[in-house]
């Protein structure tokens, strides 16, 4: 007769061995290191975005990176002011006098309007939402990448997220 594995039926799962050898500090240190690296990545990303914010806030109003940002903010303003429905299929403020059919997504316009309503302040709230929302989406993106790489058990996940956080391309993608 074979002796049962140490730890009862848990030996088949590999848990009995861990229970018999005691507490593993290496696993705790590995998790703590991953948490600290992820927090440093997020802090670096937020610091870079805060530094870039100074470039976009001017005396004459916000200055966005791309012309599409102005179009999105104009559509969000039209929705916020009640001058347009929830989906804008044609607008005249671009390609005047014929106008254009926007190729952009309405859900992001709605999220901007919801953020502006939550911030309560009319036009200034919409401008703040326009500068805050991309940063929030960037943090969600970094958390999603970290979660996916953790799910895939990538040993370099922390370094990859940190490099993404300080990457100029990612900083531009999630800039207002």
C-alpha atoms as a PDB file:
ATOM      1  CA  UNK A   1       0.000   0.000   0.000  1.00  0.00           C
ATOM      2  CA  UNK A   2       1.177   3.482  -0.833  1.00  0.00           C
ATOM      3  CA  UNK A   3       1.271   6.102   1.846  1.00  0.00           C
ATOM      4  CA  UNK A   4      -1.022   9.092   1.137  1.00  0.00           C
ATOM      5  CA  UNK A   5       0.788  12.221   0.036  1.00  0.00           C
ATOM      6  CA  UNK A   6       1.661  14.675   2.742  1.00  0.00           C
ATOM      7  CA  UNK A   7      -1.233  17.110   3.091  1.00  0.00           C
ATOM      8  CA  UNK A   8      -3.914  14.576   2.205  1.00  0.00           C
ATOM      9  CA  UNK A   9      -5.566  14.780  -1.196  1.00  0.00           C
ATOM     10  CA  UNK A  10      -3.974  18.163  -1.820  1.00  0.00           C
ATOM     11  CA  UNK A  11      -0.712  16.476  -2.796  1.00  0.00           C
ATOM     12  CA  UNK A  12      -2.023  15.739  -6.270  1.00  0.00           C
ATOM     13  CA  UNK A  13      -2.537  19.474  -6.801  1.00  0.00           C
ATOM     14  CA  UNK A  14       0.950  20.350  -5.638  1.00  0.00           C
ATOM     15  CA  UNK A  15      -0.411  22.120  -2.575  1.00  0.00           C
ATOM     16  CA  UNK A  16       0.688  19.507  -0.071  1.00  0.00           C
ATOM     17  CA  UNK A  17       4.349  20.112  -0.885  1.00  0.00           C
ATOM     18  CA  UNK A  18       3.998  23.844  -0.311  1.00  0.00           C
ATOM     19  CA  UNK A  19       2.192  23.203   2.948  1.00  0.00           C
ATOM     20  CA  UNK A  20       4.880  20.852   4.148  1.00  0.00           C
ATOM     21  CA  UNK A  21       7.769  23.204   3.391  1.00  0.00           C
ATOM     22  CA  UNK A  22       6.252  26.258   5.038  1.00  0.00           C
ATOM     23  CA  UNK A  23       5.611  29.809   3.964  1.00  0.00           C
ATOM     24  CA  UNK A  24       7.240  31.038   0.735  1.00  0.00           C
ATOM     25  CA  UNK A  25       8.533  34.592   1.022  1.00  0.00           C
ATOM     26  CA  UNK A  26       9.698  34.520  -2.574  1.00  0.00           C
ATOM     27  CA  UNK A  27       6.094  34.450  -3.823  1.00  0.00           C
ATOM     28  CA  UNK A  28       5.136  37.359  -1.532  1.00  0.00           C
ATOM     29  CA  UNK A  29       8.143  39.369  -2.715  1.00  0.00           C
ATOM     30  CA  UNK A  30       7.311  38.582  -6.340  1.00  0.00           C
ATOM     31  CA  UNK A  31       3.719  39.831  -5.906  1.00  0.00           C
ATOM     32  CA  UNK A  32       4.870  42.910  -3.972  1.00  0.00           C
ATOM     33  CA  UNK A  33       7.416  43.700  -6.678  1.00  0.00           C
ATOM     34  CA  UNK A  34       4.749  43.411  -9.373  1.00  0.00           C
ATOM     35  CA  UNK A  35       2.419  45.719  -7.439  1.00  0.00           C
ATOM     36  CA  UNK A  36       5.180  48.293  -6.871  1.00  0.00           C
ATOM     37  CA  UNK A  37       6.239  48.185 -10.532  1.00  0.00           C
ATOM     38  CA  UNK A  38       2.630  48.584 -11.687  1.00  0.00           C
ATOM     39  CA  UNK A  39       2.121  51.511  -9.294  1.00  0.00           C
ATOM     40  CA  UNK A  40       5.351  53.111 -10.545  1.00  0.00           C
ATOM     41  CA  UNK A  41       4.157  52.636 -14.126  1.00  0.00           C
ATOM     42  CA  UNK A  42       0.832  54.322 -13.422  1.00  0.00           C
ATOM     43  CA  UNK A  43       2.538  57.126 -11.477  1.00  0.00           C
ATOM     44  CA  UNK A  44       4.973  57.711 -14.345  1.00  0.00           C
ATOM     45  CA  UNK A  45       2.150  57.771 -16.877  1.00  0.00           C
ATOM     46  CA  UNK A  46       0.128  60.241 -14.796  1.00  0.00           C
ATOM     47  CA  UNK A  47       3.164  62.450 -14.201  1.00  0.00           C
ATOM     48  CA  UNK A  48       3.951  62.588 -17.909  1.00  0.00           C
ATOM     49  CA  UNK A  49       0.340  63.415 -18.734  1.00  0.00           C
ATOM     50  CA  UNK A  50       0.272  66.148 -16.078  1.00  0.00           C
ATOM     51  CA  UNK A  51       3.426  67.684 -17.559  1.00  0.00           C
ATOM     52  CA  UNK A  52       1.868  67.571 -21.042  1.00  0.00           C
ATOM     53  CA  UNK A  53      -1.294  69.247 -19.757  1.00  0.00           C
ATOM     54  CA  UNK A  54       0.637  72.523 -19.447  1.00  0.00           C
ATOM     55  CA  UNK A  55       1.166  72.453 -23.213  1.00  0.00           C
ATOM     56  CA  UNK A  56      -2.553  72.217 -23.924  1.00  0.00           C
ATOM     57  CA  UNK A  57      -4.096  74.714 -21.537  1.00  0.00           C
ATOM     58  CA  UNK A  58      -3.705  78.210 -22.903  1.00  0.00           C
ATOM     59  CA  UNK A  59      -5.145  81.622 -22.175  1.00  0.00           C
ATOM     60  CA  UNK A  60      -7.267  81.354 -25.321  1.00  0.00           C
ATOM     61  CA  UNK A  61      -8.711  77.961 -24.371  1.00  0.00           C
ATOM     62  CA  UNK A  62      -7.663  74.350 -24.774  1.00  0.00           C
ATOM     63  CA  UNK A  63      -5.273  73.334 -27.535  1.00  0.00           C
ATOM     64  CA  UNK A  64      -5.691  69.700 -28.537  1.00  0.00           C
ATOM     65  CA  UNK A  65      -3.209  67.441 -30.314  1.00  0.00           C
ATOM     66  CA  UNK A  66      -5.294  66.588 -33.352  1.00  0.00           C
ATOM     67  CA  UNK A  67      -8.035  68.141 -35.432  1.00  0.00           C
ATOM     68  CA  UNK A  68     -10.271  65.162 -34.655  1.00  0.00           C
ATOM     69  CA  UNK A  69     -10.100  66.169 -30.989  1.00  0.00           C
ATOM     70  CA  UNK A  70     -11.665  69.522 -31.829  1.00  0.00           C
ATOM     71  CA  UNK A  71     -14.373  67.804 -33.862  1.00  0.00           C
ATOM     72  CA  UNK A  72     -15.130  65.397 -31.011  1.00  0.00           C
ATOM     73  CA  UNK A  73     -15.305  68.218 -28.486  1.00  0.00           C
ATOM     74  CA  UNK A  74     -17.598  70.201 -30.796  1.00  0.00           C
ATOM     75  CA  UNK A  75     -19.905  67.191 -31.202  1.00  0.00           C
ATOM     76  CA  UNK A  76     -19.889  66.649 -27.433  1.00  0.00           C
ATOM     77  CA  UNK A  77     -20.705  70.337 -26.905  1.00  0.00           C
ATOM     78  CA  UNK A  78     -23.642  70.065 -29.343  1.00  0.00           C
ATOM     79  CA  UNK A  79     -24.963  67.027 -27.467  1.00  0.00           C
ATOM     80  CA  UNK A  80     -24.398  68.667 -24.068  1.00  0.00           C
ATOM     81  CA  UNK A  81     -26.206  71.852 -25.129  1.00  0.00           C
ATOM     82  CA  UNK A  82     -29.114  69.860 -26.590  1.00  0.00           C
ATOM     83  CA  UNK A  83     -28.509  71.152 -30.121  1.00  0.00           C
ATOM     84  CA  UNK A  84     -28.010  67.635 -31.503  1.00  0.00           C
ATOM     85  CA  UNK A  85     -29.305  64.157 -30.848  1.00  0.00           C
ATOM     86  CA  UNK A  86     -27.245  61.358 -29.357  1.00  0.00           C
ATOM     87  CA  UNK A  87     -25.839  60.354 -32.767  1.00  0.00           C
ATOM     88  CA  UNK A  88     -24.621  63.052 -35.145  1.00  0.00           C
ATOM     89  CA  UNK A  89     -24.636  61.699 -38.685  1.00  0.00           C
ATOM     90  CA  UNK A  90     -23.789  64.951 -40.466  1.00  0.00           C
ATOM     91  CA  UNK A  91     -22.347  68.250 -39.309  1.00  0.00           C
ATOM     92  CA  UNK A  92     -21.445  71.500 -41.007  1.00  0.00           C
ATOM     93  CA  UNK A  93     -18.605  72.725 -38.795  1.00  0.00           C
ATOM     94  CA  UNK A  94     -16.074  70.673 -40.782  1.00  0.00           C
ATOM     95  CA  UNK A  95     -15.589  70.952 -44.544  1.00  0.00           C
ATOM     96  CA  UNK A  96     -17.752  74.053 -44.808  1.00  0.00           C
ATOM     97  CA  UNK A  97     -20.121  74.648 -46.661  1.00  0.00           C
ATOM     98  CA  UNK A  98     -20.964  71.042 -47.598  1.00  0.00           C
ATOM     99  CA  UNK A  99     -20.270  69.587 -44.165  1.00  0.00           C
ATOM    100  CA  UNK A 100     -19.188  66.030 -43.571  1.00  0.00           C
ATOM    101  CA  UNK A 101     -20.348  62.656 -42.332  1.00  0.00           C
ATOM    102  CA  UNK A 102     -18.220  61.912 -39.263  1.00  0.00           C
ATOM    103  CA  UNK A 103     -16.352  58.617 -39.196  1.00  0.00           C
ATOM    104  CA  UNK A 104     -15.886  58.733 -35.451  1.00  0.00           C
ATOM    105  CA  UNK A 105     -17.597  56.815 -32.682  1.00  0.00           C
ATOM    106  CA  UNK A 106     -20.539  58.252 -30.794  1.00  0.00           C
ATOM    107  CA  UNK A 107     -19.901  56.317 -27.523  1.00  0.00           C
ATOM    108  CA  UNK A 108     -16.807  58.389 -26.763  1.00  0.00           C
ATOM    109  CA  UNK A 109     -18.843  61.547 -27.346  1.00  0.00           C
ATOM    110  CA  UNK A 110     -21.412  60.240 -24.856  1.00  0.00           C
ATOM    111  CA  UNK A 111     -18.714  59.421 -22.293  1.00  0.00           C
ATOM    112  CA  UNK A 112     -17.374  62.975 -22.618  1.00  0.00           C
ATOM    113  CA  UNK A 113     -20.876  64.397 -22.082  1.00  0.00           C
ATOM    114  CA  UNK A 114     -21.431  62.145 -19.036  1.00  0.00           C
ATOM    115  CA  UNK A 115     -18.072  63.217 -17.553  1.00  0.00           C
ATOM    116  CA  UNK A 116     -18.927  66.884 -18.164  1.00  0.00           C
ATOM    117  CA  UNK A 117     -22.316  66.441 -16.473  1.00  0.00           C
ATOM    118  CA  UNK A 118     -20.625  64.715 -13.537  1.00  0.00           C
ATOM    119  CA  UNK A 119     -18.123  67.585 -13.217  1.00  0.00           C
ATOM    120  CA  UNK A 120     -20.947  70.189 -13.358  1.00  0.00           C
ATOM    121  CA  UNK A 121     -19.707  73.406 -14.837  1.00  0.00           C
ATOM    122  CA  UNK A 122     -20.875  73.816 -18.427  1.00  0.00           C
ATOM    123  CA  UNK A 123     -18.186  74.555 -20.995  1.00  0.00           C
ATOM    124  CA  UNK A 124     -15.303  74.440 -18.527  1.00  0.00           C
ATOM    125  CA  UNK A 125     -16.502  71.040 -17.309  1.00  0.00           C
ATOM    126  CA  UNK A 126     -16.501  69.747 -20.888  1.00  0.00           C
ATOM    127  CA  UNK A 127     -12.935  71.033 -21.357  1.00  0.00           C
ATOM    128  CA  UNK A 128     -11.840  69.350 -18.104  1.00  0.00           C
ATOM    129  CA  UNK A 129     -13.566  66.134 -19.201  1.00  0.00           C
ATOM    130  CA  UNK A 130     -11.743  66.377 -22.529  1.00  0.00           C
ATOM    131  CA  UNK A 131      -8.412  66.529 -20.696  1.00  0.00           C
ATOM    132  CA  UNK A 132      -9.252  63.987 -17.985  1.00  0.00           C
ATOM    133  CA  UNK A 133     -10.953  61.223 -19.954  1.00  0.00           C
ATOM    134  CA  UNK A 134      -7.964  60.260 -22.150  1.00  0.00           C
ATOM    135  CA  UNK A 135      -5.800  59.886 -19.059  1.00  0.00           C
ATOM    136  CA  UNK A 136      -8.403  57.663 -17.377  1.00  0.00           C
ATOM    137  CA  UNK A 137      -8.659  55.565 -20.546  1.00  0.00           C
ATOM    138  CA  UNK A 138      -4.840  55.317 -20.601  1.00  0.00           C
ATOM    139  CA  UNK A 139      -4.772  53.977 -17.040  1.00  0.00           C
ATOM    140  CA  UNK A 140      -7.498  51.466 -17.931  1.00  0.00           C
ATOM    141  CA  UNK A 141      -5.449  50.445 -20.986  1.00  0.00           C
ATOM    142  CA  UNK A 142      -2.322  49.888 -18.883  1.00  0.00           C
ATOM    143  CA  UNK A 143      -4.283  47.878 -16.313  1.00  0.00           C
ATOM    144  CA  UNK A 144      -5.784  45.780 -19.105  1.00  0.00           C
ATOM    145  CA  UNK A 145      -2.373  45.088 -20.637  1.00  0.00           C
ATOM    146  CA  UNK A 146      -1.013  44.150 -17.218  1.00  0.00           C
ATOM    147  CA  UNK A 147      -3.973  41.856 -16.592  1.00  0.00           C
ATOM    148  CA  UNK A 148      -3.610  40.175 -19.982  1.00  0.00           C
ATOM    149  CA  UNK A 149       0.130  39.666 -19.573  1.00  0.00           C
ATOM    150  CA  UNK A 150      -0.442  38.360 -16.057  1.00  0.00           C
ATOM    151  CA  UNK A 151      -3.031  35.939 -17.410  1.00  0.00           C
ATOM    152  CA  UNK A 152      -0.510  34.781 -19.993  1.00  0.00           C
ATOM    153  CA  UNK A 153       2.065  34.456 -17.188  1.00  0.00           C
ATOM    154  CA  UNK A 154       4.582  36.640 -18.973  1.00  0.00           C
ATOM    155  CA  UNK A 155       7.645  37.066 -16.782  1.00  0.00           C
ATOM    156  CA  UNK A 156       8.374  40.466 -18.345  1.00  0.00           C
ATOM    157  CA  UNK A 157       4.850  41.860 -17.823  1.00  0.00           C
ATOM    158  CA  UNK A 158       5.914  44.532 -15.345  1.00  0.00           C
ATOM    159  CA  UNK A 159       8.706  45.806 -17.566  1.00  0.00           C
ATOM    160  CA  UNK A 160       6.400  45.846 -20.598  1.00  0.00           C
ATOM    161  CA  UNK A 161       3.761  47.893 -18.778  1.00  0.00           C
ATOM    162  CA  UNK A 162       6.404  50.320 -17.505  1.00  0.00           C
ATOM    163  CA  UNK A 163       7.810  50.796 -21.017  1.00  0.00           C
ATOM    164  CA  UNK A 164       4.288  51.358 -22.330  1.00  0.00           C
ATOM    165  CA  UNK A 165       3.628  53.893 -19.579  1.00  0.00           C
ATOM    166  CA  UNK A 166       6.652  56.024 -20.462  1.00  0.00           C
ATOM    167  CA  UNK A 167       6.426  55.503 -24.228  1.00  0.00           C
ATOM    168  CA  UNK A 168       5.947  58.718 -26.220  1.00  0.00           C
ATOM    169  CA  UNK A 169       3.612  56.912 -28.624  1.00  0.00           C
ATOM    170  CA  UNK A 170       1.301  55.803 -25.824  1.00  0.00           C
ATOM    171  CA  UNK A 171       1.548  59.234 -24.191  1.00  0.00           C
ATOM    172  CA  UNK A 172       0.436  60.797 -27.488  1.00  0.00           C
ATOM    173  CA  UNK A 173      -2.338  58.260 -27.972  1.00  0.00           C
ATOM    174  CA  UNK A 174      -3.867  59.090 -24.594  1.00  0.00           C
ATOM    175  CA  UNK A 175      -3.220  62.805 -24.630  1.00  0.00           C
ATOM    176  CA  UNK A 176      -6.044  65.314 -24.793  1.00  0.00           C
END
